N, C-alpha and C. Protein backbone atom coordinates (compact mmCIF):
# COMPACT_ATOMS: atom_id res chain seq x y z
N MET A 1 -38.24 -5.92 3.88
CA MET A 1 -37.78 -7.29 4.04
C MET A 1 -38.98 -8.23 4.08
N VAL A 2 -38.77 -9.39 3.52
CA VAL A 2 -39.81 -10.40 3.45
C VAL A 2 -39.36 -11.62 4.25
N PHE A 3 -40.23 -12.12 5.11
CA PHE A 3 -39.95 -13.32 5.89
C PHE A 3 -40.54 -14.52 5.16
N VAL A 4 -39.71 -15.52 4.89
CA VAL A 4 -40.14 -16.72 4.17
C VAL A 4 -39.88 -17.94 5.05
N PRO A 5 -40.92 -18.48 5.70
CA PRO A 5 -40.72 -19.68 6.51
C PRO A 5 -40.87 -20.94 5.67
N PHE A 6 -40.11 -21.96 6.00
CA PHE A 6 -40.25 -23.28 5.39
C PHE A 6 -40.76 -24.20 6.48
N THR A 7 -42.03 -24.54 6.44
CA THR A 7 -42.63 -25.39 7.45
C THR A 7 -43.24 -26.62 6.79
N GLY A 8 -43.45 -27.64 7.58
CA GLY A 8 -44.04 -28.86 7.06
C GLY A 8 -44.69 -29.65 8.17
N ILE A 9 -45.06 -30.87 7.86
CA ILE A 9 -45.72 -31.76 8.81
C ILE A 9 -44.90 -33.04 8.89
N ASP A 10 -44.57 -33.46 10.11
CA ASP A 10 -43.76 -34.67 10.28
C ASP A 10 -44.64 -35.91 10.32
N ASN A 11 -44.03 -37.08 10.58
CA ASN A 11 -44.76 -38.34 10.58
C ASN A 11 -45.72 -38.47 11.76
N HIS A 12 -45.65 -37.56 12.73
CA HIS A 12 -46.59 -37.54 13.85
C HIS A 12 -47.68 -36.49 13.64
N HIS A 13 -47.74 -35.93 12.44
CA HIS A 13 -48.71 -34.89 12.06
C HIS A 13 -48.55 -33.62 12.90
N CYS A 14 -47.31 -33.31 13.24
CA CYS A 14 -46.98 -32.09 13.97
C CYS A 14 -46.25 -31.12 13.04
N ASN A 15 -46.45 -29.83 13.27
CA ASN A 15 -45.76 -28.82 12.48
C ASN A 15 -44.27 -28.82 12.79
N VAL A 16 -43.47 -28.67 11.74
CA VAL A 16 -42.01 -28.64 11.87
C VAL A 16 -41.50 -27.46 11.04
N THR A 17 -40.58 -26.70 11.61
CA THR A 17 -39.93 -25.62 10.86
C THR A 17 -38.63 -26.16 10.30
N PHE A 18 -38.52 -26.17 8.97
CA PHE A 18 -37.30 -26.65 8.31
C PHE A 18 -36.28 -25.54 8.17
N GLY A 19 -36.74 -24.32 8.09
CA GLY A 19 -35.84 -23.19 7.93
C GLY A 19 -36.63 -21.92 7.70
N ALA A 20 -35.92 -20.82 7.56
CA ALA A 20 -36.56 -19.53 7.31
C ALA A 20 -35.54 -18.61 6.66
N ALA A 21 -36.04 -17.59 5.98
CA ALA A 21 -35.16 -16.65 5.31
C ALA A 21 -35.75 -15.25 5.38
N LEU A 22 -34.89 -14.27 5.39
CA LEU A 22 -35.28 -12.87 5.24
C LEU A 22 -34.74 -12.41 3.89
N LEU A 23 -35.63 -11.97 3.03
CA LEU A 23 -35.24 -11.56 1.68
C LEU A 23 -35.38 -10.06 1.53
N ALA A 24 -34.43 -9.46 0.84
CA ALA A 24 -34.47 -8.02 0.60
C ALA A 24 -35.41 -7.66 -0.54
N SER A 25 -35.70 -8.62 -1.43
CA SER A 25 -36.59 -8.33 -2.56
C SER A 25 -37.44 -9.55 -2.86
N GLU A 26 -38.55 -9.32 -3.56
CA GLU A 26 -39.46 -10.39 -3.93
C GLU A 26 -39.43 -10.61 -5.44
N THR A 27 -38.24 -10.73 -6.00
CA THR A 27 -38.11 -10.95 -7.43
C THR A 27 -38.02 -12.45 -7.72
N ALA A 28 -38.28 -12.81 -8.96
CA ALA A 28 -38.20 -14.21 -9.36
C ALA A 28 -36.79 -14.76 -9.14
N ASP A 29 -35.77 -13.97 -9.46
CA ASP A 29 -34.38 -14.43 -9.28
C ASP A 29 -34.07 -14.71 -7.81
N THR A 30 -34.57 -13.88 -6.92
CA THR A 30 -34.34 -14.09 -5.49
C THR A 30 -35.02 -15.37 -5.01
N TYR A 31 -36.25 -15.60 -5.45
CA TYR A 31 -36.96 -16.82 -5.06
C TYR A 31 -36.31 -18.07 -5.65
N ILE A 32 -35.83 -17.99 -6.89
CA ILE A 32 -35.13 -19.13 -7.48
C ILE A 32 -33.89 -19.46 -6.66
N TRP A 33 -33.12 -18.45 -6.29
CA TRP A 33 -31.94 -18.67 -5.46
C TRP A 33 -32.33 -19.33 -4.14
N LEU A 34 -33.36 -18.80 -3.48
CA LEU A 34 -33.79 -19.32 -2.19
C LEU A 34 -34.24 -20.77 -2.29
N LEU A 35 -35.06 -21.09 -3.26
CA LEU A 35 -35.55 -22.46 -3.40
C LEU A 35 -34.43 -23.43 -3.75
N ARG A 36 -33.46 -23.00 -4.54
CA ARG A 36 -32.31 -23.87 -4.86
C ARG A 36 -31.45 -24.12 -3.62
N VAL A 37 -31.25 -23.10 -2.80
CA VAL A 37 -30.50 -23.27 -1.55
C VAL A 37 -31.25 -24.22 -0.62
N PHE A 38 -32.56 -24.05 -0.52
CA PHE A 38 -33.37 -24.94 0.32
C PHE A 38 -33.28 -26.38 -0.19
N LEU A 39 -33.39 -26.56 -1.51
CA LEU A 39 -33.31 -27.90 -2.09
C LEU A 39 -31.96 -28.54 -1.81
N LYS A 40 -30.90 -27.78 -1.92
CA LYS A 40 -29.55 -28.30 -1.64
C LYS A 40 -29.41 -28.69 -0.17
N ALA A 41 -29.98 -27.89 0.72
CA ALA A 41 -29.88 -28.16 2.16
C ALA A 41 -30.70 -29.38 2.57
N VAL A 42 -31.89 -29.52 2.01
CA VAL A 42 -32.78 -30.60 2.41
C VAL A 42 -32.47 -31.88 1.64
N GLY A 43 -32.13 -31.75 0.37
CA GLY A 43 -31.75 -32.92 -0.41
C GLY A 43 -32.84 -33.54 -1.25
N SER A 44 -34.09 -33.12 -1.08
CA SER A 44 -35.17 -33.65 -1.91
C SER A 44 -36.27 -32.61 -2.04
N GLN A 45 -37.06 -32.77 -3.10
CA GLN A 45 -38.15 -31.83 -3.35
C GLN A 45 -39.34 -32.14 -2.44
N PRO A 46 -40.06 -31.12 -2.01
CA PRO A 46 -41.28 -31.37 -1.26
C PRO A 46 -42.37 -31.92 -2.19
N LYS A 47 -43.34 -32.60 -1.63
CA LYS A 47 -44.45 -33.11 -2.44
C LYS A 47 -45.41 -31.99 -2.82
N VAL A 48 -45.63 -31.05 -1.88
CA VAL A 48 -46.56 -29.94 -2.09
C VAL A 48 -45.94 -28.67 -1.54
N VAL A 49 -46.15 -27.56 -2.25
CA VAL A 49 -45.73 -26.24 -1.78
C VAL A 49 -46.98 -25.37 -1.74
N VAL A 50 -47.25 -24.77 -0.59
CA VAL A 50 -48.38 -23.85 -0.43
C VAL A 50 -47.81 -22.46 -0.25
N THR A 51 -48.22 -21.53 -1.11
CA THR A 51 -47.72 -20.16 -1.05
C THR A 51 -48.88 -19.18 -1.09
N ASP A 52 -48.55 -17.92 -0.85
CA ASP A 52 -49.55 -16.88 -1.05
C ASP A 52 -49.61 -16.56 -2.54
N GLN A 53 -50.27 -15.48 -2.90
CA GLN A 53 -50.45 -15.16 -4.31
C GLN A 53 -49.36 -14.25 -4.87
N ASP A 54 -48.17 -14.34 -4.35
CA ASP A 54 -47.06 -13.55 -4.87
C ASP A 54 -46.79 -13.96 -6.32
N PRO A 55 -46.86 -13.03 -7.26
CA PRO A 55 -46.68 -13.38 -8.68
C PRO A 55 -45.31 -13.99 -8.98
N ALA A 56 -44.27 -13.49 -8.35
CA ALA A 56 -42.92 -14.02 -8.61
C ALA A 56 -42.80 -15.45 -8.10
N MET A 57 -43.35 -15.74 -6.92
CA MET A 57 -43.26 -17.08 -6.35
C MET A 57 -44.05 -18.08 -7.20
N LYS A 58 -45.22 -17.67 -7.70
CA LYS A 58 -46.02 -18.57 -8.52
C LYS A 58 -45.25 -19.02 -9.76
N LYS A 59 -44.42 -18.15 -10.30
CA LYS A 59 -43.67 -18.47 -11.52
C LYS A 59 -42.52 -19.43 -11.27
N VAL A 60 -41.87 -19.33 -10.11
CA VAL A 60 -40.61 -20.04 -9.92
C VAL A 60 -40.72 -21.38 -9.21
N VAL A 61 -41.84 -21.69 -8.59
CA VAL A 61 -41.94 -22.97 -7.87
C VAL A 61 -41.66 -24.13 -8.82
N TYR A 62 -42.25 -24.10 -10.01
CA TYR A 62 -42.06 -25.20 -10.96
C TYR A 62 -40.69 -25.16 -11.64
N VAL A 63 -40.00 -24.04 -11.58
CA VAL A 63 -38.65 -23.95 -12.15
C VAL A 63 -37.68 -24.78 -11.31
N VAL A 64 -37.79 -24.68 -10.00
CA VAL A 64 -36.87 -25.39 -9.10
C VAL A 64 -37.42 -26.75 -8.68
N PHE A 65 -38.69 -26.79 -8.32
CA PHE A 65 -39.33 -28.03 -7.86
C PHE A 65 -40.20 -28.59 -8.98
N VAL A 66 -39.60 -29.27 -9.93
CA VAL A 66 -40.33 -29.70 -11.13
C VAL A 66 -41.36 -30.80 -10.84
N ASP A 67 -41.17 -31.59 -9.80
CA ASP A 67 -42.10 -32.68 -9.48
C ASP A 67 -43.02 -32.35 -8.31
N THR A 68 -43.10 -31.10 -7.94
CA THR A 68 -43.87 -30.67 -6.77
C THR A 68 -45.19 -30.03 -7.20
N ARG A 69 -46.24 -30.31 -6.45
CA ARG A 69 -47.52 -29.66 -6.70
C ARG A 69 -47.54 -28.32 -5.98
N HIS A 70 -48.07 -27.31 -6.65
CA HIS A 70 -48.12 -25.96 -6.07
C HIS A 70 -49.57 -25.62 -5.76
N ARG A 71 -49.82 -25.15 -4.56
CA ARG A 71 -51.15 -24.74 -4.12
C ARG A 71 -51.07 -23.31 -3.62
N LEU A 72 -52.16 -22.57 -3.79
CA LEU A 72 -52.24 -21.20 -3.30
C LEU A 72 -53.11 -21.15 -2.06
N CYS A 73 -52.63 -20.49 -1.03
CA CYS A 73 -53.40 -20.29 0.19
C CYS A 73 -53.98 -18.89 0.15
N ILE A 74 -55.28 -18.80 0.18
CA ILE A 74 -55.95 -17.51 0.15
C ILE A 74 -56.48 -17.22 1.55
N MET A 75 -55.96 -16.16 2.16
CA MET A 75 -56.36 -15.82 3.52
C MET A 75 -57.25 -14.58 3.49
N GLY A 76 -58.30 -14.62 4.26
CA GLY A 76 -59.18 -13.47 4.34
C GLY A 76 -60.49 -13.84 4.98
N SER A 77 -61.18 -12.88 5.52
CA SER A 77 -62.49 -13.07 6.14
C SER A 77 -62.46 -14.12 7.25
N GLY A 78 -61.32 -14.28 7.90
CA GLY A 78 -61.25 -15.18 9.04
C GLY A 78 -61.15 -16.65 8.69
N TYR A 79 -60.90 -16.99 7.44
CA TYR A 79 -60.76 -18.39 7.07
C TYR A 79 -59.63 -18.55 6.06
N ARG A 80 -59.21 -19.79 5.90
CA ARG A 80 -58.19 -20.11 4.90
C ARG A 80 -58.79 -21.10 3.90
N ARG A 81 -58.47 -20.87 2.67
CA ARG A 81 -58.91 -21.79 1.64
C ARG A 81 -57.72 -22.04 0.72
N ILE A 82 -57.49 -23.28 0.39
CA ILE A 82 -56.40 -23.60 -0.52
C ILE A 82 -56.99 -23.76 -1.91
N GLN A 83 -56.46 -22.99 -2.84
CA GLN A 83 -56.92 -23.03 -4.22
C GLN A 83 -56.00 -23.96 -5.00
N PHE A 84 -56.59 -24.93 -5.69
CA PHE A 84 -55.79 -25.91 -6.40
C PHE A 84 -55.49 -25.42 -7.80
N ARG A 85 -54.20 -25.46 -8.15
CA ARG A 85 -53.74 -25.05 -9.48
C ARG A 85 -52.74 -26.06 -9.97
N ARG A 86 -52.74 -26.27 -11.25
CA ARG A 86 -51.69 -27.06 -11.90
C ARG A 86 -51.85 -27.01 -13.36
């Protein structure tokens, strides 16, 4: 099972959890379904999506969120670095 949190930053610059999901598989079809359900629940696309380097997720972010920027978060060696892609 894969845990997928949807978190963001509010107007007070505090972390907010918008939702979360437990997925049985990490396929592109599963991620497309999840992002479409999230979009329907929230009602608008996020400005930026930060994900890990999951190959399926990298492919589907632009399928569902066409106006959203996608960034990769690389974790390791005790630090985080966001890699810019577009």
